[in-house]
């Protein structure tokens, strides 16, 4: 099994089937239909497991590092915009509102520093994911 958190930035960009595993949701992924979907029982189990929460927080930090160190995603439209939405939703669901909003704000700071290139629809999806 590959340790996703130790992949290079280039590998994180090139590989497209890990984000649904790192940041699971109760809804099926159109991009990766075989990725797991969470049940209510699984959500509760993750929320109650300190190790799972720590691992999820580490995954979020690694993805923030990726976004800080790369600019591929800082464009009008990019597949990373969907990844960001998923990360924010998963953090909100599994860790809580504060974690989701913190990730969201970090992404918005990077977006603003780059001259605000991301499309309005993606920005709206991120805001909704942080507030749901």
N, C-alpha and C. Protein backbone atom coordinates (compact mmCIF):
# COMPACT_ATOMS: atom_id res chain seq x y z
N UNK A 1 0.84 -1.19 0.00
CA UNK A 1 0.00 0.00 0.00
C UNK A 1 0.88 1.24 0.00
N UNK A 2 0.52 2.21 -0.80
CA UNK A 2 1.28 3.45 -0.93
C UNK A 2 0.92 4.40 0.21
N UNK A 3 1.93 5.04 0.78
CA UNK A 3 1.70 6.04 1.81
C UNK A 3 1.47 7.38 1.11
N UNK A 4 0.23 7.72 0.92
CA UNK A 4 -0.14 8.91 0.15
C UNK A 4 0.46 10.18 0.75
N UNK A 5 0.54 10.25 2.05
CA UNK A 5 1.05 11.47 2.69
C UNK A 5 2.51 11.72 2.38
N UNK A 6 3.22 10.70 1.90
CA UNK A 6 4.63 10.86 1.55
C UNK A 6 4.86 10.97 0.04
N UNK A 7 3.81 11.05 -0.73
CA UNK A 7 3.96 11.25 -2.17
C UNK A 7 4.51 12.65 -2.44
N UNK A 8 5.24 12.79 -3.52
CA UNK A 8 5.73 14.12 -3.92
C UNK A 8 4.55 14.95 -4.42
N UNK A 9 4.77 16.25 -4.53
CA UNK A 9 3.72 17.11 -5.07
C UNK A 9 3.35 16.69 -6.49
N UNK A 10 4.34 16.31 -7.27
CA UNK A 10 4.07 15.87 -8.64
C UNK A 10 3.19 14.62 -8.65
N UNK A 11 3.47 13.69 -7.74
CA UNK A 11 2.65 12.48 -7.65
C UNK A 11 1.24 12.79 -7.18
N UNK A 12 1.12 13.71 -6.22
CA UNK A 12 -0.22 14.09 -5.76
C UNK A 12 -1.03 14.71 -6.89
N UNK A 13 -0.35 15.42 -7.77
CA UNK A 13 -1.04 16.03 -8.90
C UNK A 13 -1.41 14.99 -9.95
N UNK A 14 -0.52 14.05 -10.21
CA UNK A 14 -0.72 13.09 -11.29
C UNK A 14 -1.69 11.95 -10.94
N UNK A 15 -1.68 11.51 -9.69
CA UNK A 15 -2.53 10.40 -9.26
C UNK A 15 -3.90 10.96 -8.89
N UNK A 16 -4.95 10.32 -9.36
CA UNK A 16 -6.29 10.88 -9.18
C UNK A 16 -7.24 10.03 -8.35
N UNK A 17 -6.76 8.94 -7.77
CA UNK A 17 -7.70 8.06 -7.07
C UNK A 17 -7.50 8.01 -5.56
N UNK A 18 -6.75 8.91 -4.99
CA UNK A 18 -6.49 8.85 -3.55
C UNK A 18 -7.36 9.79 -2.73
N UNK A 19 -7.81 10.87 -3.31
CA UNK A 19 -8.47 11.92 -2.53
C UNK A 19 -9.78 11.40 -1.90
N UNK A 20 -10.49 10.53 -2.61
CA UNK A 20 -11.73 9.97 -2.08
C UNK A 20 -11.48 9.02 -0.91
N UNK A 21 -10.29 8.45 -0.85
CA UNK A 21 -9.92 7.54 0.25
C UNK A 21 -9.44 8.34 1.46
N UNK A 22 -8.68 9.40 1.20
CA UNK A 22 -8.18 10.23 2.30
C UNK A 22 -9.30 11.04 2.96
N UNK A 23 -10.24 11.50 2.13
CA UNK A 23 -11.31 12.38 2.61
C UNK A 23 -12.67 11.80 2.20
N UNK A 24 -13.08 10.76 2.90
CA UNK A 24 -14.33 10.08 2.52
C UNK A 24 -15.57 10.91 2.85
N UNK A 25 -16.64 10.60 2.15
CA UNK A 25 -17.94 11.24 2.33
C UNK A 25 -19.03 10.17 2.25
N UNK A 26 -20.24 10.49 2.67
CA UNK A 26 -21.33 9.52 2.55
C UNK A 26 -21.86 9.39 1.12
N UNK A 27 -21.48 10.30 0.24
CA UNK A 27 -21.97 10.24 -1.15
C UNK A 27 -20.90 9.65 -2.07
N UNK A 28 -21.37 8.96 -3.09
CA UNK A 28 -20.48 8.33 -4.06
C UNK A 28 -19.78 9.38 -4.91
N UNK A 29 -18.53 9.12 -5.22
CA UNK A 29 -17.74 9.99 -6.08
C UNK A 29 -17.97 9.64 -7.54
N UNK A 30 -18.30 10.63 -8.35
CA UNK A 30 -18.45 10.40 -9.79
C UNK A 30 -17.09 10.12 -10.43
N UNK A 31 -16.05 10.72 -9.89
CA UNK A 31 -14.71 10.54 -10.44
C UNK A 31 -14.09 9.20 -10.08
N UNK A 32 -14.45 8.68 -8.93
CA UNK A 32 -13.90 7.41 -8.44
C UNK A 32 -15.03 6.60 -7.81
N UNK A 33 -15.89 5.99 -8.63
CA UNK A 33 -17.10 5.33 -8.13
C UNK A 33 -16.84 4.12 -7.21
N UNK A 34 -15.63 3.58 -7.21
CA UNK A 34 -15.33 2.44 -6.36
C UNK A 34 -14.74 2.84 -5.01
N UNK A 35 -14.58 4.12 -4.79
CA UNK A 35 -14.09 4.60 -3.50
C UNK A 35 -15.17 4.38 -2.45
N UNK A 36 -14.76 4.24 -1.20
CA UNK A 36 -15.75 3.98 -0.14
C UNK A 36 -16.69 5.16 0.08
N UNK A 37 -17.90 4.82 0.50
CA UNK A 37 -18.85 5.83 0.96
C UNK A 37 -19.14 5.51 2.43
N UNK A 38 -19.26 6.54 3.22
CA UNK A 38 -19.43 6.36 4.66
C UNK A 38 -20.88 6.19 5.07
N UNK A 39 -21.10 5.27 6.00
CA UNK A 39 -22.40 5.11 6.62
C UNK A 39 -22.43 5.98 7.88
N UNK A 40 -23.59 6.15 8.47
CA UNK A 40 -23.70 6.90 9.73
C UNK A 40 -22.86 6.25 10.82
N UNK A 41 -22.85 4.95 10.85
CA UNK A 41 -22.07 4.22 11.85
C UNK A 41 -20.58 4.48 11.66
N UNK A 42 -20.13 4.45 10.43
CA UNK A 42 -18.71 4.70 10.14
C UNK A 42 -18.33 6.15 10.47
N UNK A 43 -19.22 7.08 10.17
CA UNK A 43 -18.97 8.49 10.50
C UNK A 43 -18.79 8.64 12.01
N UNK A 44 -19.69 8.05 12.77
CA UNK A 44 -19.61 8.12 14.23
C UNK A 44 -18.33 7.46 14.75
N UNK A 45 -17.95 6.35 14.15
CA UNK A 45 -16.73 5.65 14.58
C UNK A 45 -15.49 6.50 14.32
N UNK A 46 -15.43 7.15 13.16
CA UNK A 46 -14.29 8.03 12.85
C UNK A 46 -14.26 9.21 13.81
N UNK A 47 -15.42 9.81 14.03
CA UNK A 47 -15.49 10.97 14.94
C UNK A 47 -15.05 10.62 16.35
N UNK A 48 -15.22 9.37 16.77
CA UNK A 48 -14.88 8.94 18.12
C UNK A 48 -13.45 8.39 18.23
N UNK A 49 -12.76 8.29 17.12
CA UNK A 49 -11.44 7.67 17.10
C UNK A 49 -10.35 8.74 16.98
N UNK A 50 -9.63 8.97 18.05
CA UNK A 50 -8.60 10.01 18.08
C UNK A 50 -7.52 9.77 17.01
N UNK A 51 -7.18 8.52 16.78
CA UNK A 51 -6.17 8.21 15.76
C UNK A 51 -6.67 8.55 14.35
N UNK A 52 -7.92 8.24 14.09
CA UNK A 52 -8.51 8.56 12.78
C UNK A 52 -8.56 10.07 12.58
N UNK A 53 -8.93 10.79 13.61
CA UNK A 53 -8.99 12.26 13.52
C UNK A 53 -7.59 12.83 13.28
N UNK A 54 -6.60 12.30 13.98
CA UNK A 54 -5.22 12.76 13.81
C UNK A 54 -4.74 12.51 12.38
N UNK A 55 -5.05 11.33 11.87
CA UNK A 55 -4.64 10.99 10.50
C UNK A 55 -5.33 11.90 9.48
N UNK A 56 -6.59 12.16 9.69
CA UNK A 56 -7.33 13.06 8.79
C UNK A 56 -6.74 14.47 8.84
N UNK A 57 -6.40 14.94 10.03
CA UNK A 57 -5.78 16.26 10.17
C UNK A 57 -4.41 16.29 9.48
N UNK A 58 -3.65 15.21 9.57
CA UNK A 58 -2.36 15.14 8.88
C UNK A 58 -2.54 15.15 7.37
N UNK A 59 -3.56 14.47 6.90
CA UNK A 59 -3.85 14.46 5.46
C UNK A 59 -4.23 15.86 4.99
N UNK A 60 -5.02 16.56 5.79
CA UNK A 60 -5.41 17.94 5.43
C UNK A 60 -4.18 18.84 5.40
N UNK A 61 -3.29 18.68 6.36
CA UNK A 61 -2.08 19.49 6.39
C UNK A 61 -1.18 19.19 5.19
N UNK A 62 -1.09 17.91 4.81
CA UNK A 62 -0.28 17.56 3.63
C UNK A 62 -0.87 18.17 2.37
N UNK A 63 -2.20 18.17 2.27
CA UNK A 63 -2.82 18.77 1.09
C UNK A 63 -2.64 20.29 1.09
N UNK A 64 -2.69 20.91 2.25
CA UNK A 64 -2.41 22.35 2.30
C UNK A 64 -0.98 22.63 1.87
N UNK A 65 -0.06 21.79 2.31
CA UNK A 65 1.33 21.93 1.90
C UNK A 65 1.42 21.84 0.37
N UNK A 66 0.74 20.87 -0.20
CA UNK A 66 0.70 20.70 -1.65
C UNK A 66 0.19 21.98 -2.32
N UNK A 67 -0.91 22.52 -1.82
CA UNK A 67 -1.48 23.72 -2.43
C UNK A 67 -0.60 24.94 -2.22
N UNK A 68 0.12 25.00 -1.11
CA UNK A 68 1.05 26.12 -0.87
C UNK A 68 2.26 26.05 -1.79
N UNK A 69 2.69 24.86 -2.12
CA UNK A 69 3.93 24.66 -2.88
C UNK A 69 3.71 24.56 -4.38
N UNK A 70 2.47 24.54 -4.82
CA UNK A 70 2.19 24.41 -6.25
C UNK A 70 1.27 25.53 -6.70
N UNK A 71 1.25 25.75 -7.98
CA UNK A 71 0.34 26.76 -8.53
C UNK A 71 -0.54 26.19 -9.63
N UNK A 72 -0.44 24.88 -9.88
CA UNK A 72 -1.23 24.25 -10.94
C UNK A 72 -2.71 24.56 -10.78
N UNK A 73 -3.17 24.56 -9.58
CA UNK A 73 -4.60 24.70 -9.29
C UNK A 73 -5.08 26.15 -9.32
N UNK A 74 -4.13 27.08 -9.32
CA UNK A 74 -4.49 28.51 -9.28
C UNK A 74 -4.75 29.01 -10.70
N UNK A 75 -5.89 28.60 -11.20
CA UNK A 75 -6.34 28.94 -12.54
C UNK A 75 -7.87 28.97 -12.51
N UNK A 76 -8.46 29.37 -13.59
CA UNK A 76 -9.92 29.46 -13.63
C UNK A 76 -10.61 28.15 -13.31
N UNK A 77 -10.18 27.09 -13.96
CA UNK A 77 -10.81 25.78 -13.79
C UNK A 77 -9.73 24.72 -13.67
N UNK A 78 -9.86 23.85 -12.67
CA UNK A 78 -8.87 22.80 -12.45
C UNK A 78 -9.50 21.69 -11.61
N UNK A 79 -9.08 20.46 -11.83
CA UNK A 79 -9.63 19.34 -11.07
C UNK A 79 -9.37 19.48 -9.57
N UNK A 80 -8.35 20.22 -9.19
CA UNK A 80 -8.07 20.42 -7.77
C UNK A 80 -9.18 21.20 -7.08
N UNK A 81 -9.95 21.96 -7.81
CA UNK A 81 -11.06 22.70 -7.19
C UNK A 81 -12.08 21.72 -6.62
N UNK A 82 -12.32 20.62 -7.34
CA UNK A 82 -13.22 19.58 -6.82
C UNK A 82 -12.61 18.88 -5.61
N UNK A 83 -11.31 18.65 -5.67
CA UNK A 83 -10.62 18.05 -4.52
C UNK A 83 -10.78 18.92 -3.28
N UNK A 84 -10.59 20.20 -3.46
CA UNK A 84 -10.69 21.14 -2.33
C UNK A 84 -12.10 21.09 -1.73
N UNK A 85 -13.11 21.07 -2.57
CA UNK A 85 -14.48 20.97 -2.08
C UNK A 85 -14.66 19.71 -1.24
N UNK A 86 -14.16 18.59 -1.73
CA UNK A 86 -14.27 17.32 -1.01
C UNK A 86 -13.54 17.39 0.33
N UNK A 87 -12.35 17.93 0.33
CA UNK A 87 -11.57 18.03 1.57
C UNK A 87 -12.33 18.84 2.61
N UNK A 88 -12.85 19.99 2.20
CA UNK A 88 -13.59 20.84 3.14
C UNK A 88 -14.81 20.11 3.69
N UNK A 89 -15.57 19.44 2.82
CA UNK A 89 -16.77 18.71 3.26
C UNK A 89 -16.41 17.58 4.22
N UNK A 90 -15.38 16.83 3.89
CA UNK A 90 -14.98 15.72 4.73
C UNK A 90 -14.49 16.20 6.09
N UNK A 91 -13.70 17.26 6.11
CA UNK A 91 -13.23 17.82 7.38
C UNK A 91 -14.40 18.27 8.24
N UNK A 92 -15.36 18.96 7.63
CA UNK A 92 -16.53 19.43 8.39
C UNK A 92 -17.31 18.27 8.97
N UNK A 93 -17.51 17.24 8.16
CA UNK A 93 -18.28 16.08 8.59
C UNK A 93 -17.57 15.29 9.69
N UNK A 94 -16.28 15.07 9.53
CA UNK A 94 -15.57 14.13 10.40
C UNK A 94 -14.81 14.77 11.56
N UNK A 95 -14.32 15.97 11.37
CA UNK A 95 -13.58 16.65 12.45
C UNK A 95 -14.40 17.79 13.03
N UNK A 96 -15.03 18.58 12.15
CA UNK A 96 -15.86 19.66 12.64
C UNK A 96 -15.73 20.93 11.83
N UNK A 97 -16.62 21.86 12.12
CA UNK A 97 -16.72 23.13 11.42
C UNK A 97 -15.41 23.91 11.45
N UNK A 98 -14.76 23.94 12.60
CA UNK A 98 -13.53 24.73 12.74
C UNK A 98 -12.43 24.23 11.79
N UNK A 99 -12.27 22.92 11.68
CA UNK A 99 -11.26 22.35 10.79
C UNK A 99 -11.58 22.69 9.33
N UNK A 100 -12.84 22.59 8.96
CA UNK A 100 -13.26 22.90 7.60
C UNK A 100 -13.03 24.37 7.28
N UNK A 101 -13.41 25.23 8.18
CA UNK A 101 -13.24 26.67 7.94
C UNK A 101 -11.77 27.07 7.92
N UNK A 102 -10.95 26.43 8.73
CA UNK A 102 -9.52 26.71 8.74
C UNK A 102 -8.89 26.35 7.40
N UNK A 103 -9.23 25.16 6.88
CA UNK A 103 -8.72 24.74 5.57
C UNK A 103 -9.22 25.69 4.49
N UNK A 104 -10.49 26.01 4.53
CA UNK A 104 -11.11 26.92 3.56
C UNK A 104 -10.39 28.27 3.57
N UNK A 105 -10.17 28.83 4.74
CA UNK A 105 -9.51 30.14 4.83
C UNK A 105 -8.08 30.08 4.30
N UNK A 106 -7.37 29.00 4.57
CA UNK A 106 -6.00 28.86 4.05
C UNK A 106 -6.00 28.83 2.52
N UNK A 107 -6.97 28.13 1.95
CA UNK A 107 -7.08 28.07 0.49
C UNK A 107 -7.44 29.45 -0.08
N UNK A 108 -8.36 30.15 0.56
CA UNK A 108 -8.73 31.49 0.09
C UNK A 108 -7.56 32.45 0.17
N UNK A 109 -6.72 32.32 1.17
CA UNK A 109 -5.54 33.17 1.30
C UNK A 109 -4.59 32.93 0.13
N UNK A 110 -4.38 31.67 -0.23
CA UNK A 110 -3.53 31.35 -1.38
C UNK A 110 -4.14 31.89 -2.68
N UNK A 111 -5.44 31.72 -2.80
CA UNK A 111 -6.17 32.21 -3.97
C UNK A 111 -6.01 33.72 -4.12
N UNK A 112 -6.21 34.44 -3.03
CA UNK A 112 -6.10 35.90 -3.05
C UNK A 112 -4.67 36.33 -3.40
N UNK A 113 -3.68 35.68 -2.81
CA UNK A 113 -2.28 36.03 -3.06
C UNK A 113 -1.89 35.82 -4.52
N UNK A 114 -2.59 34.90 -5.20
CA UNK A 114 -2.31 34.61 -6.61
C UNK A 114 -3.09 35.51 -7.56
N UNK A 115 -3.82 36.48 -7.03
CA UNK A 115 -4.59 37.38 -7.88
C UNK A 115 -6.01 36.94 -8.12
N UNK A 116 -6.51 36.03 -7.32
CA UNK A 116 -7.90 35.56 -7.36
C UNK A 116 -8.29 34.95 -8.71
N UNK A 117 -7.55 33.92 -9.17
CA UNK A 117 -7.83 33.34 -10.49
C UNK A 117 -8.94 32.30 -10.56
N UNK A 118 -9.37 31.77 -9.42
CA UNK A 118 -10.34 30.67 -9.40
C UNK A 118 -11.74 31.19 -9.74
N UNK A 119 -12.48 30.41 -10.49
CA UNK A 119 -13.83 30.80 -10.93
C UNK A 119 -14.79 30.94 -9.74
N UNK A 120 -15.79 31.76 -9.92
CA UNK A 120 -16.76 32.07 -8.86
C UNK A 120 -17.54 30.83 -8.42
N UNK A 121 -17.82 29.93 -9.33
CA UNK A 121 -18.59 28.74 -8.98
C UNK A 121 -17.82 27.85 -7.99
N UNK A 122 -16.52 27.66 -8.25
CA UNK A 122 -15.70 26.88 -7.32
C UNK A 122 -15.63 27.56 -5.96
N UNK A 123 -15.46 28.86 -5.96
CA UNK A 123 -15.42 29.61 -4.70
C UNK A 123 -16.73 29.42 -3.92
N UNK A 124 -17.84 29.41 -4.63
CA UNK A 124 -19.14 29.21 -3.99
C UNK A 124 -19.26 27.79 -3.42
N UNK A 125 -18.79 26.79 -4.18
CA UNK A 125 -18.81 25.42 -3.68
C UNK A 125 -17.99 25.29 -2.40
N UNK A 126 -16.83 25.94 -2.37
CA UNK A 126 -15.98 25.88 -1.18
C UNK A 126 -16.68 26.51 0.01
N UNK A 127 -17.29 27.66 -0.23
CA UNK A 127 -17.99 28.36 0.87
C UNK A 127 -19.15 27.51 1.39
N UNK A 128 -19.92 26.92 0.50
CA UNK A 128 -21.03 26.06 0.92
C UNK A 128 -20.53 24.83 1.66
N UNK A 129 -19.43 24.25 1.21
CA UNK A 129 -18.88 23.07 1.88
C UNK A 129 -18.44 23.40 3.30
N UNK A 130 -17.92 24.58 3.50
CA UNK A 130 -17.45 24.99 4.84
C UNK A 130 -18.61 25.34 5.77
N UNK A 131 -19.76 25.66 5.21
CA UNK A 131 -20.89 26.12 6.02
C UNK A 131 -22.03 25.13 6.18
N UNK A 132 -22.08 24.10 5.35
CA UNK A 132 -23.22 23.14 5.39
C UNK A 132 -23.55 22.67 6.77
